[in-house]
Amino acid sequence: MSDKVIHAGDADFETTVLQSDEPVLVDFWAPWCGPCRMIAPALDELAESYAGRAKVVKVDIDQHQATALKYHVRSIPMLLLFKGGQVQATQIGAVGKAQLAQMIDKAL
């Protein structure tokens, strides 16, 4: 697991994600979710390659239900790209690293 991936929750979501100067790719996930675990290595690689330009943040929906409810997370993995505190793009389901990189690139 990359040390560049940030774990956020209900208490620090606003400061970590919404107030970020950089675009933030948020992965809503859970430890029991197979597809979530499948895309984790791609998220680690993206966190490394975009370090200093964009953030990768993971939110465990079992631990932080208020944030998951606020963003209408109904199936996981669900990835939201935030820029300037607003959702710019949404991806539901496991996708490849290239598709996630495209989401980030559009926001840069």
PDB file of N, CA and C in Angstrom:
ATOM      1  N   MET A   1       0.845  -1.185   0.000  1.00  0.00           N
ATOM      2  CA  MET A   1       0.000   0.000   0.000  1.00  0.00           C
ATOM      3  C   MET A   1       0.893   1.252   0.000  1.00  0.00           C
ATOM      4  N   SER A   2       0.546   2.191  -0.822  1.00  0.00           N
ATOM      5  CA  SER A   2       1.317   3.429  -0.937  1.00  0.00           C
ATOM      6  C   SER A   2       1.066   4.334   0.266  1.00  0.00           C
ATOM      7  N   ASP A   3       2.131   4.972   0.738  1.00  0.00           N
ATOM      8  CA  ASP A   3       1.949   5.933   1.832  1.00  0.00           C
ATOM      9  C   ASP A   3       1.416   7.265   1.305  1.00  0.00           C
ATOM     10  N   LYS A   4       1.246   7.375  -0.014  1.00  0.00           N
ATOM     11  CA  LYS A   4       0.691   8.589  -0.621  1.00  0.00           C
ATOM     12  C   LYS A   4      -0.843   8.557  -0.619  1.00  0.00           C
ATOM     13  N   VAL A   5      -1.434   7.368  -0.430  1.00  0.00           N
ATOM     14  CA  VAL A   5      -2.892   7.261  -0.355  1.00  0.00           C
ATOM     15  C   VAL A   5      -3.322   7.727   1.031  1.00  0.00           C
ATOM     16  N   ILE A   6      -4.264   8.668   1.058  1.00  0.00           N
ATOM     17  CA  ILE A   6      -4.741   9.254   2.308  1.00  0.00           C
ATOM     18  C   ILE A   6      -6.045   8.577   2.707  1.00  0.00           C
ATOM     19  N   HIS A   7      -6.174   8.223   3.973  1.00  0.00           N
ATOM     20  CA  HIS A   7      -7.426   7.666   4.470  1.00  0.00           C
ATOM     21  C   HIS A   7      -8.174   8.770   5.204  1.00  0.00           C
ATOM     22  N   ALA A   8      -9.382   9.058   4.751  1.00  0.00           N
ATOM     23  CA  ALA A   8     -10.181  10.125   5.354  1.00  0.00           C
ATOM     24  C   ALA A   8     -11.497   9.553   5.854  1.00  0.00           C
ATOM     25  N   GLY A   9     -12.136  10.317   6.730  1.00  0.00           N
ATOM     26  CA  GLY A   9     -13.412   9.882   7.278  1.00  0.00           C
ATOM     27  C   GLY A   9     -14.357  11.047   7.473  1.00  0.00           C
ATOM     28  N   ASP A  10     -15.431  10.779   8.194  1.00  0.00           N
ATOM     29  CA  ASP A  10     -16.457  11.798   8.416  1.00  0.00           C
ATOM     30  C   ASP A  10     -15.858  13.075   9.029  1.00  0.00           C
ATOM     31  N   ALA A  11     -14.943  12.922   9.977  1.00  0.00           N
ATOM     32  CA  ALA A  11     -14.414  14.063  10.721  1.00  0.00           C
ATOM     33  C   ALA A  11     -13.490  14.957   9.894  1.00  0.00           C
ATOM     34  N   ASP A  12     -12.721  14.362   8.976  1.00  0.00           N
ATOM     35  CA  ASP A  12     -11.724  15.157   8.252  1.00  0.00           C
ATOM     36  C   ASP A  12     -11.954  15.219   6.744  1.00  0.00           C
ATOM     37  N   PHE A  13     -13.117  14.767   6.267  1.00  0.00           N
ATOM     38  CA  PHE A  13     -13.388  14.769   4.827  1.00  0.00           C
ATOM     39  C   PHE A  13     -13.351  16.190   4.259  1.00  0.00           C
ATOM     40  N   GLU A  14     -13.952  17.128   4.975  1.00  0.00           N
ATOM     41  CA  GLU A  14     -14.006  18.496   4.467  1.00  0.00           C
ATOM     42  C   GLU A  14     -12.609  19.099   4.301  1.00  0.00           C
ATOM     43  N   THR A  15     -11.768  18.963   5.322  1.00  0.00           N
ATOM     44  CA  THR A  15     -10.431  19.547   5.223  1.00  0.00           C
ATOM     45  C   THR A  15      -9.548  18.783   4.240  1.00  0.00           C
ATOM     46  N   THR A  16      -9.664  17.467   4.206  1.00  0.00           N
ATOM     47  CA  THR A  16      -8.815  16.654   3.340  1.00  0.00           C
ATOM     48  C   THR A  16      -9.218  16.754   1.874  1.00  0.00           C
ATOM     49  N   VAL A  17     -10.518  16.765   1.608  1.00  0.00           N
ATOM     50  CA  VAL A  17     -11.013  16.690   0.226  1.00  0.00           C
ATOM     51  C   VAL A  17     -11.576  18.027  -0.259  1.00  0.00           C
ATOM     52  N   LEU A  18     -12.581  18.532   0.429  1.00  0.00           N
ATOM     53  CA  LEU A  18     -13.301  19.704  -0.074  1.00  0.00           C
ATOM     54  C   LEU A  18     -12.466  20.976  -0.058  1.00  0.00           C
ATOM     55  N   GLN A  19     -11.529  21.086   0.875  1.00  0.00           N
ATOM     56  CA  GLN A  19     -10.698  22.291   0.954  1.00  0.00           C
ATOM     57  C   GLN A  19      -9.338  22.131   0.285  1.00  0.00           C
ATOM     58  N   SER A  20      -9.143  21.034  -0.426  1.00  0.00           N
ATOM     59  CA  SER A  20      -7.858  20.774  -1.088  1.00  0.00           C
ATOM     60  C   SER A  20      -7.634  21.722  -2.263  1.00  0.00           C
ATOM     61  N   ASP A  21      -6.393  22.184  -2.403  1.00  0.00           N
ATOM     62  CA  ASP A  21      -6.027  23.013  -3.553  1.00  0.00           C
ATOM     63  C   ASP A  21      -5.838  22.164  -4.809  1.00  0.00           C
ATOM     64  N   GLU A  22      -5.599  20.869  -4.609  1.00  0.00           N
ATOM     65  CA  GLU A  22      -5.370  19.946  -5.719  1.00  0.00           C
ATOM     66  C   GLU A  22      -6.646  19.144  -5.994  1.00  0.00           C
ATOM     67  N   PRO A  23      -6.797  18.630  -7.212  1.00  0.00           N
ATOM     68  CA  PRO A  23      -7.901  17.688  -7.459  1.00  0.00           C
ATOM     69  C   PRO A  23      -7.735  16.460  -6.549  1.00  0.00           C
ATOM     70  N   VAL A  24      -8.860  15.882  -6.138  1.00  0.00           N
ATOM     71  CA  VAL A  24      -8.829  14.729  -5.231  1.00  0.00           C
ATOM     72  C   VAL A  24      -9.694  13.613  -5.801  1.00  0.00           C
ATOM     73  N   LEU A  25      -9.095  12.432  -6.001  1.00  0.00           N
ATOM     74  CA  LEU A  25      -9.839  11.247  -6.409  1.00  0.00           C
ATOM     75  C   LEU A  25     -10.190  10.483  -5.141  1.00  0.00           C
ATOM     76  N   VAL A  26     -11.485  10.383  -4.843  1.00  0.00           N
ATOM     77  CA  VAL A  26     -11.937   9.723  -3.619  1.00  0.00           C
ATOM     78  C   VAL A  26     -12.502   8.350  -3.972  1.00  0.00           C
ATOM     79  N   ASP A  27     -11.975   7.331  -3.311  1.00  0.00           N
ATOM     80  CA  ASP A  27     -12.430   5.952  -3.488  1.00  0.00           C
ATOM     81  C   ASP A  27     -13.284   5.583  -2.276  1.00  0.00           C
ATOM     82  N   PHE A  28     -14.597   5.430  -2.506  1.00  0.00           N
ATOM     83  CA  PHE A  28     -15.483   4.923  -1.462  1.00  0.00           C
ATOM     84  C   PHE A  28     -15.425   3.400  -1.557  1.00  0.00           C
ATOM     85  N   TRP A  29     -15.002   2.727  -0.493  1.00  0.00           N
ATOM     86  CA  TRP A  29     -14.723   1.305  -0.534  1.00  0.00           C
ATOM     87  C   TRP A  29     -15.074   0.651   0.800  1.00  0.00           C
ATOM     88  N   ALA A  30     -14.907  -0.666   0.855  1.00  0.00           N
ATOM     89  CA  ALA A  30     -15.044  -1.421   2.102  1.00  0.00           C
ATOM     90  C   ALA A  30     -14.092  -2.616   2.037  1.00  0.00           C
ATOM     91  N   PRO A  31     -13.584  -3.050   3.188  1.00  0.00           N
ATOM     92  CA  PRO A  31     -12.613  -4.157   3.207  1.00  0.00           C
ATOM     93  C   PRO A  31     -13.160  -5.464   2.630  1.00  0.00           C
ATOM     94  N   TRP A  32     -14.470  -5.684   2.707  1.00  0.00           N
ATOM     95  CA  TRP A  32     -15.078  -6.935   2.231  1.00  0.00           C
ATOM     96  C   TRP A  32     -15.371  -6.917   0.728  1.00  0.00           C
ATOM     97  N   CYS A  33     -15.138  -5.804   0.063  1.00  0.00           N
ATOM     98  CA  CYS A  33     -15.495  -5.628  -1.345  1.00  0.00           C
ATOM     99  C   CYS A  33     -14.361  -6.106  -2.255  1.00  0.00           C
ATOM    100  N   GLY A  34     -14.606  -7.183  -2.992  1.00  0.00           N
ATOM    101  CA  GLY A  34     -13.602  -7.743  -3.907  1.00  0.00           C
ATOM    102  C   GLY A  34     -13.123  -6.764  -4.969  1.00  0.00           C
ATOM    103  N   PRO A  35     -14.051  -6.156  -5.730  1.00  0.00           N
ATOM    104  CA  PRO A  35     -13.613  -5.192  -6.752  1.00  0.00           C
ATOM    105  C   PRO A  35     -12.839  -4.008  -6.163  1.00  0.00           C
ATOM    106  N   CYS A  36     -13.159  -3.620  -4.921  1.00  0.00           N
ATOM    107  CA  CYS A  36     -12.426  -2.528  -4.261  1.00  0.00           C
ATOM    108  C   CYS A  36     -10.964  -2.932  -4.056  1.00  0.00           C
ATOM    109  N   ARG A  37     -10.772  -4.164  -3.599  1.00  0.00           N
ATOM    110  CA  ARG A  37      -9.409  -4.662  -3.386  1.00  0.00           C
ATOM    111  C   ARG A  37      -8.679  -4.810  -4.721  1.00  0.00           C
ATOM    112  N   MET A  38      -9.443  -5.124  -5.783  1.00  0.00           N
ATOM    113  CA  MET A  38      -8.855  -5.321  -7.107  1.00  0.00           C
ATOM    114  C   MET A  38      -8.253  -4.018  -7.659  1.00  0.00           C
ATOM    115  N   ILE A  39      -8.906  -2.874  -7.410  1.00  0.00           N
ATOM    116  CA  ILE A  39      -8.396  -1.615  -7.963  1.00  0.00           C
ATOM    117  C   ILE A  39      -7.396  -0.919  -7.024  1.00  0.00           C
ATOM    118  N   ALA A  40      -7.229  -1.434  -5.816  1.00  0.00           N
ATOM    119  CA  ALA A  40      -6.330  -0.799  -4.845  1.00  0.00           C
ATOM    120  C   ALA A  40      -4.904  -0.601  -5.380  1.00  0.00           C
ATOM    121  N   PRO A  41      -4.298  -1.603  -6.053  1.00  0.00           N
ATOM    122  CA  PRO A  41      -2.942  -1.377  -6.570  1.00  0.00           C
ATOM    123  C   PRO A  41      -2.875  -0.232  -7.594  1.00  0.00           C
ATOM    124  N   ALA A  42      -3.899  -0.094  -8.426  1.00  0.00           N
ATOM    125  CA  ALA A  42      -3.926   1.001  -9.408  1.00  0.00           C
ATOM    126  C   ALA A  42      -4.008   2.343  -8.692  1.00  0.00           C
ATOM    127  N   LEU A  43      -4.809   2.413  -7.628  1.00  0.00           N
ATOM    128  CA  LEU A  43      -4.924   3.652  -6.854  1.00  0.00           C
ATOM    129  C   LEU A  43      -3.598   4.001  -6.178  1.00  0.00           C
ATOM    130  N   ASP A  44      -2.899   2.972  -5.677  1.00  0.00           N
ATOM    131  CA  ASP A  44      -1.577   3.191  -5.078  1.00  0.00           C
ATOM    132  C   ASP A  44      -0.624   3.796  -6.109  1.00  0.00           C
ATOM    133  N   GLU A  45      -0.625   3.232  -7.322  1.00  0.00           N
ATOM    134  CA  GLU A  45       0.267   3.722  -8.381  1.00  0.00           C
ATOM    135  C   GLU A  45      -0.092   5.152  -8.781  1.00  0.00           C
ATOM    136  N   LEU A  46      -1.389   5.447  -8.877  1.00  0.00           N
ATOM    137  CA  LEU A  46      -1.816   6.807  -9.225  1.00  0.00           C
ATOM    138  C   LEU A  46      -1.409   7.803  -8.140  1.00  0.00           C
ATOM    139  N   ALA A  47      -1.546   7.405  -6.891  1.00  0.00           N
ATOM    140  CA  ALA A  47      -1.159   8.283  -5.778  1.00  0.00           C
ATOM    141  C   ALA A  47       0.325   8.633  -5.876  1.00  0.00           C
ATOM    142  N   GLU A  48       1.136   7.647  -6.245  1.00  0.00           N
ATOM    143  CA  GLU A  48       2.579   7.876  -6.400  1.00  0.00           C
ATOM    144  C   GLU A  48       2.856   8.787  -7.591  1.00  0.00           C
ATOM    145  N   SER A  49       2.255   8.491  -8.747  1.00  0.00           N
ATOM    146  CA  SER A  49       2.598   9.236  -9.960  1.00  0.00           C
ATOM    147  C   SER A  49       2.015  10.650  -9.994  1.00  0.00           C
ATOM    148  N   TYR A  50       0.930  10.895  -9.249  1.00  0.00           N
ATOM    149  CA  TYR A  50       0.337  12.236  -9.225  1.00  0.00           C
ATOM    150  C   TYR A  50       0.690  13.018  -7.955  1.00  0.00           C
ATOM    151  N   ALA A  51       1.587  12.486  -7.138  1.00  0.00           N
ATOM    152  CA  ALA A  51       1.959  13.143  -5.875  1.00  0.00           C
ATOM    153  C   ALA A  51       2.394  14.585  -6.142  1.00  0.00           C
ATOM    154  N   GLY A  52       1.808  15.511  -5.389  1.00  0.00           N
ATOM    155  CA  GLY A  52       2.130  16.920  -5.558  1.00  0.00           C
ATOM    156  C   GLY A  52       1.220  17.633  -6.547  1.00  0.00           C
ATOM    157  N   ARG A  53       0.467  16.857  -7.353  1.00  0.00           N
ATOM    158  CA  ARG A  53      -0.438  17.455  -8.346  1.00  0.00           C
ATOM    159  C   ARG A  53      -1.899  17.101  -8.072  1.00  0.00           C
ATOM    160  N   ALA A  54      -2.126  15.929  -7.493  1.00  0.00           N
ATOM    161  CA  ALA A  54      -3.474  15.461  -7.163  1.00  0.00           C
ATOM    162  C   ALA A  54      -3.358  14.478  -6.003  1.00  0.00           C
ATOM    163  N   LYS A  55      -4.471  14.310  -5.283  1.00  0.00           N
ATOM    164  CA  LYS A  55      -4.490  13.392  -4.138  1.00  0.00           C
ATOM    165  C   LYS A  55      -5.383  12.199  -4.442  1.00  0.00           C
ATOM    166  N   VAL A  56      -5.049  11.077  -3.822  1.00  0.00           N
ATOM    167  CA  VAL A  56      -5.919   9.901  -3.834  1.00  0.00           C
ATOM    168  C   VAL A  56      -6.324   9.654  -2.382  1.00  0.00           C
ATOM    169  N   VAL A  57      -7.639   9.658  -2.142  1.00  0.00           N
ATOM    170  CA  VAL A  57      -8.172   9.505  -0.788  1.00  0.00           C
ATOM    171  C   VAL A  57      -9.128   8.323  -0.767  1.00  0.00           C
ATOM    172  N   LYS A  58      -9.029   7.500   0.278  1.00  0.00           N
ATOM    173  CA  LYS A  58      -9.939   6.367   0.450  1.00  0.00           C
ATOM    174  C   LYS A  58     -10.842   6.629   1.646  1.00  0.00           C
ATOM    175  N   VAL A  59     -12.137   6.310   1.476  1.00  0.00           N
ATOM    176  CA  VAL A  59     -13.107   6.435   2.559  1.00  0.00           C
ATOM    177  C   VAL A  59     -13.780   5.074   2.734  1.00  0.00           C
ATOM    178  N   ASP A  60     -13.590   4.473   3.902  1.00  0.00           N
ATOM    179  CA  ASP A  60     -14.211   3.192   4.233  1.00  0.00           C
ATOM    180  C   ASP A  60     -15.679   3.462   4.590  1.00  0.00           C
ATOM    181  N   ILE A  61     -16.601   2.981   3.751  1.00  0.00           N
ATOM    182  CA  ILE A  61     -18.019   3.309   3.941  1.00  0.00           C
ATOM    183  C   ILE A  61     -18.615   2.665   5.183  1.00  0.00           C
ATOM    184  N   ASP A  62     -18.032   1.579   5.660  1.00  0.00           N
ATOM    185  CA  ASP A  62     -18.537   0.950   6.889  1.00  0.00           C
ATOM    186  C   ASP A  62     -18.194   1.808   8.108  1.00  0.00           C
ATOM    187  N   GLN A  63     -17.030   2.431   8.088  1.00  0.00           N
ATOM    188  CA  GLN A  63     -16.568   3.248   9.213  1.00  0.00           C
ATOM    189  C   GLN A  63     -17.113   4.676   9.156  1.00  0.00           C
ATOM    190  N   HIS A  64     -17.391   5.153   7.946  1.00  0.00           N
ATOM    191  CA  HIS A  64     -17.746   6.567   7.762  1.00  0.00           C
ATOM    192  C   HIS A  64     -19.026   6.694   6.939  1.00  0.00           C
ATOM    193  N   GLN A  65     -20.120   6.245   7.532  1.00  0.00           N
ATOM    194  CA  GLN A  65     -21.396   6.183   6.823  1.00  0.00           C
ATOM    195  C   GLN A  65     -21.983   7.554   6.501  1.00  0.00           C
ATOM    196  N   ALA A  66     -21.721   8.552   7.320  1.00  0.00           N
ATOM    197  CA  ALA A  66     -22.293   9.879   7.069  1.00  0.00           C
ATOM    198  C   ALA A  66     -21.789  10.452   5.746  1.00  0.00           C
ATOM    199  N   THR A  67     -20.486  10.295   5.497  1.00  0.00           N
ATOM    200  CA  THR A  67     -19.910  10.800   4.247  1.00  0.00           C
ATOM    201  C   THR A  67     -20.444   9.995   3.067  1.00  0.00           C
ATOM    202  N   ALA A  68     -20.538   8.688   3.228  1.00  0.00           N
ATOM    203  CA  ALA A  68     -21.067   7.837   2.155  1.00  0.00           C
ATOM    204  C   ALA A  68     -22.511   8.220   1.816  1.00  0.00           C
ATOM    205  N   LEU A  69     -23.307   8.485   2.842  1.00  0.00           N
ATOM    206  CA  LEU A  69     -24.700   8.899   2.620  1.00  0.00           C
ATOM    207  C   LEU A  69     -24.779  10.248   1.922  1.00  0.00           C
ATOM    208  N   LYS A  70     -23.932  11.173   2.339  1.00  0.00           N
ATOM    209  CA  LYS A  70     -23.946  12.521   1.765  1.00  0.00           C
ATOM    210  C   LYS A  70     -23.712  12.480   0.250  1.00  0.00           C
ATOM    211  N   TYR A  71     -22.856  11.554  -0.199  1.00  0.00           N
ATOM    212  CA  TYR A  71     -22.533  11.473  -1.625  1.00  0.00           C
ATOM    213  C   TYR A  71     -23.276  10.337  -2.336  1.00  0.00           C
ATOM    214  N   HIS A  72     -24.338   9.843  -1.691  1.00  0.00           N
ATOM    215  CA  HIS A  72     -25.243   8.853  -2.292  1.00  0.00           C
ATOM    216  C   HIS A  72     -24.512   7.610  -2.805  1.00  0.00           C
ATOM    217  N   VAL A  73     -23.609   7.102  -1.982  1.00  0.00           N
ATOM    218  CA  VAL A  73     -22.869   5.898  -2.356  1.00  0.00           C
ATOM    219  C   VAL A  73     -23.796   4.704  -2.177  1.00  0.00           C
ATOM    220  N   ARG A  74     -24.162   4.080  -3.282  1.00  0.00           N
ATOM    221  CA  ARG A  74     -25.076   2.929  -3.235  1.00  0.00           C
ATOM    222  C   ARG A  74     -24.395   1.632  -3.650  1.00  0.00           C
ATOM    223  N   SER A  75     -23.342   1.736  -4.441  1.00  0.00           N
ATOM    224  CA  SER A  75     -22.567   0.550  -4.786  1.00  0.00           C
ATOM    225  C   SER A  75     -21.100   0.947  -4.805  1.00  0.00           C
ATOM    226  N   ILE A  76     -20.260  -0.021  -4.485  1.00  0.00           N
ATOM    227  CA  ILE A  76     -18.829   0.254  -4.405  1.00  0.00           C
ATOM    228  C   ILE A  76     -18.056  -0.737  -5.264  1.00  0.00           C
ATOM    229  N   PRO A  77     -16.865  -0.400  -5.723  1.00  0.00           N
ATOM    230  CA  PRO A  77     -16.216   0.885  -5.500  1.00  0.00           C
ATOM    231  C   PRO A  77     -16.909   2.013  -6.266  1.00  0.00           C
ATOM    232  N   MET A  78     -16.958   3.169  -5.623  1.00  0.00           N
ATOM    233  CA  MET A  78     -17.458   4.380  -6.275  1.00  0.00           C
ATOM    234  C   MET A  78     -16.371   5.433  -6.120  1.00  0.00           C
ATOM    235  N   LEU A  79     -15.946   5.975  -7.248  1.00  0.00           N
ATOM    236  CA  LEU A  79     -14.880   6.967  -7.234  1.00  0.00           C
ATOM    237  C   LEU A  79     -15.432   8.311  -7.670  1.00  0.00           C
ATOM    238  N   LEU A  80     -15.161   9.328  -6.864  1.00  0.00           N
ATOM    239  CA  LEU A  80     -15.575  10.689  -7.190  1.00  0.00           C
ATOM    240  C   LEU A  80     -14.326  11.544  -7.316  1.00  0.00           C
ATOM    241  N   LEU A  81     -14.299  12.367  -8.350  1.00  0.00           N
ATOM    242  CA  LEU A  81     -13.189  13.295  -8.510  1.00  0.00           C
ATOM    243  C   LEU A  81     -13.667  14.681  -8.097  1.00  0.00           C
ATOM    244  N   PHE A  82     -13.014  15.229  -7.081  1.00  0.00           N
ATOM    245  CA  PHE A  82     -13.358  16.558  -6.573  1.00  0.00           C
ATOM    246  C   PHE A  82     -12.324  17.566  -7.039  1.00  0.00           C
ATOM    247  N   LYS A  83     -12.803  18.754  -7.378  1.00  0.00           N
ATOM    248  CA  LYS A  83     -11.915  19.884  -7.655  1.00  0.00           C
ATOM    249  C   LYS A  83     -12.625  21.127  -7.137  1.00  0.00           C
ATOM    250  N   GLY A  84     -11.928  21.901  -6.321  1.00  0.00           N
ATOM    251  CA  GLY A  84     -12.532  23.090  -5.745  1.00  0.00           C
ATOM    252  C   GLY A  84     -13.748  22.775  -4.892  1.00  0.00           C
ATOM    253  N   GLY A  85     -13.751  21.608  -4.249  1.00  0.00           N
ATOM    254  CA  GLY A  85     -14.851  21.223  -3.367  1.00  0.00           C
ATOM    255  C   GLY A  85     -16.084  20.688  -4.075  1.00  0.00           C
ATOM    256  N   GLN A  86     -16.014  20.584  -5.409  1.00  0.00           N
ATOM    257  CA  GLN A  86     -17.163  20.112  -6.190  1.00  0.00           C
ATOM    258  C   GLN A  86     -16.831  18.800  -6.893  1.00  0.00           C
ATOM    259  N   VAL A  87     -17.845  17.945  -7.051  1.00  0.00           N
ATOM    260  CA  VAL A  87     -17.659  16.692  -7.785  1.00  0.00           C
ATOM    261  C   VAL A  87     -17.560  17.018  -9.277  1.00  0.00           C
ATOM    262  N   GLN A  88     -16.473  16.598  -9.883  1.00  0.00           N
ATOM    263  CA  GLN A  88     -16.238  16.839 -11.315  1.00  0.00           C
ATOM    264  C   GLN A  88     -16.538  15.606 -12.166  1.00  0.00           C
ATOM    265  N   ALA A  89     -16.353  14.421 -11.570  1.00  0.00           N
ATOM    266  CA  ALA A  89     -16.559  13.179 -12.321  1.00  0.00           C
ATOM    267  C   ALA A  89     -16.892  12.058 -11.341  1.00  0.00           C
ATOM    268  N   THR A  90     -17.642  11.071 -11.853  1.00  0.00           N
ATOM    269  CA  THR A  90     -18.038   9.919 -11.049  1.00  0.00           C
ATOM    270  C   THR A  90     -17.749   8.646 -11.827  1.00  0.00           C
ATOM    271  N   GLN A  91     -17.239   7.641 -11.139  1.00  0.00           N
ATOM    272  CA  GLN A  91     -17.021   6.326 -11.748  1.00  0.00           C
ATOM    273  C   GLN A  91     -17.502   5.281 -10.755  1.00  0.00           C
ATOM    274  N   ILE A  92     -18.457   4.465 -11.184  1.00  0.00           N
ATOM    275  CA  ILE A  92     -18.953   3.395 -10.320  1.00  0.00           C
ATOM    276  C   ILE A  92     -18.469   2.070 -10.879  1.00  0.00           C
ATOM    277  N   GLY A  93     -17.893   1.251 -10.012  1.00  0.00           N
ATOM    278  CA  GLY A  93     -17.375  -0.045 -10.426  1.00  0.00           C
ATOM    279  C   GLY A  93     -15.878   0.009 -10.660  1.00  0.00           C
ATOM    280  N   ALA A  94     -15.294  -1.184 -10.728  1.00  0.00           N
ATOM    281  CA  ALA A  94     -13.850  -1.295 -10.910  1.00  0.00           C
ATOM    282  C   ALA A  94     -13.481  -0.982 -12.355  1.00  0.00           C
ATOM    283  N   VAL A  95     -12.522  -0.103 -12.526  1.00  0.00           N
ATOM    284  CA  VAL A  95     -12.006   0.241 -13.850  1.00  0.00           C
ATOM    285  C   VAL A  95     -10.487   0.224 -13.794  1.00  0.00           C
ATOM    286  N   GLY A  96      -9.872   0.302 -14.942  1.00  0.00           N
ATOM    287  CA  GLY A  96      -8.423   0.255 -15.012  1.00  0.00           C
ATOM    288  C   GLY A  96      -7.753   1.563 -14.629  1.00  0.00           C
ATOM    289  N   LYS A  97      -6.463   1.456 -14.417  1.00  0.00           N
ATOM    290  CA  LYS A  97      -5.653   2.607 -14.028  1.00  0.00           C
ATOM    291  C   LYS A  97      -5.726   3.716 -15.081  1.00  0.00           C
ATOM    292  N   ALA A  98      -5.715   3.361 -16.359  1.00  0.00           N
ATOM    293  CA  ALA A  98      -5.728   4.356 -17.433  1.00  0.00           C
ATOM    294  C   ALA A  98      -6.993   5.210 -17.380  1.00  0.00           C
ATOM    295  N   GLN A  99      -8.133   4.577 -17.118  1.00  0.00           N
ATOM    296  CA  GLN A  99      -9.393   5.315 -17.058  1.00  0.00           C
ATOM    297  C   GLN A  99      -9.404   6.269 -15.861  1.00  0.00           C
ATOM    298  N   LEU A 100      -8.854   5.835 -14.743  1.00  0.00           N
ATOM    299  CA  LEU A 100      -8.788   6.695 -13.559  1.00  0.00           C
ATOM    300  C   LEU A 100      -7.804   7.847 -13.793  1.00  0.00           C
ATOM    301  N   ALA A 101      -6.707   7.560 -14.465  1.00  0.00           N
ATOM    302  CA  ALA A 101      -5.729   8.610 -14.781  1.00  0.00           C
ATOM    303  C   ALA A 101      -6.368   9.671 -15.679  1.00  0.00           C
ATOM    304  N   GLN A 102      -7.214   9.241 -16.602  1.00  0.00           N
ATOM    305  CA  GLN A 102      -7.921  10.182 -17.487  1.00  0.00           C
ATOM    306  C   GLN A 102      -8.790  11.131 -16.680  1.00  0.00           C
ATOM    307  N   MET A 103      -9.495  10.586 -15.677  1.00  0.00           N
ATOM    308  CA  MET A 103     -10.345  11.417 -14.809  1.00  0.00           C
ATOM    309  C   MET A 103      -9.512  12.510 -14.149  1.00  0.00           C
ATOM    310  N   ILE A 104      -8.349  12.108 -13.608  1.00  0.00           N
ATOM    311  CA  ILE A 104      -7.479  13.059 -12.924  1.00  0.00           C
ATOM    312  C   ILE A 104      -6.933  14.079 -13.911  1.00  0.00           C
ATOM    313  N   ASP A 105      -6.478  13.606 -15.071  1.00  0.00           N
ATOM    314  CA  ASP A 105      -5.886  14.494 -16.079  1.00  0.00           C
ATOM    315  C   ASP A 105      -6.859  15.603 -16.502  1.00  0.00           C
ATOM    316  N   LYS A 106      -8.138  15.267 -16.621  1.00  0.00           N
ATOM    317  CA  LYS A 106      -9.142  16.264 -17.028  1.00  0.00           C
ATOM    318  C   LYS A 106      -9.262  17.385 -16.007  1.00  0.00           C
ATOM    319  N   ALA A 107      -8.992  17.068 -14.744  1.00  0.00           N
ATOM    320  CA  ALA A 107      -9.130  18.061 -13.672  1.00  0.00           C
ATOM    321  C   ALA A 107      -7.864  18.897 -13.467  1.00  0.00           C
ATOM    322  N   LEU A 108      -6.767  18.441 -14.026  1.00  0.00           N
ATOM    323  CA  LEU A 108      -5.494  19.176 -13.830  1.00  0.00           C
ATOM    324  C   LEU A 108      -5.378  20.370 -14.768  1.00  0.00           C
TER     325      LEU A 108
END
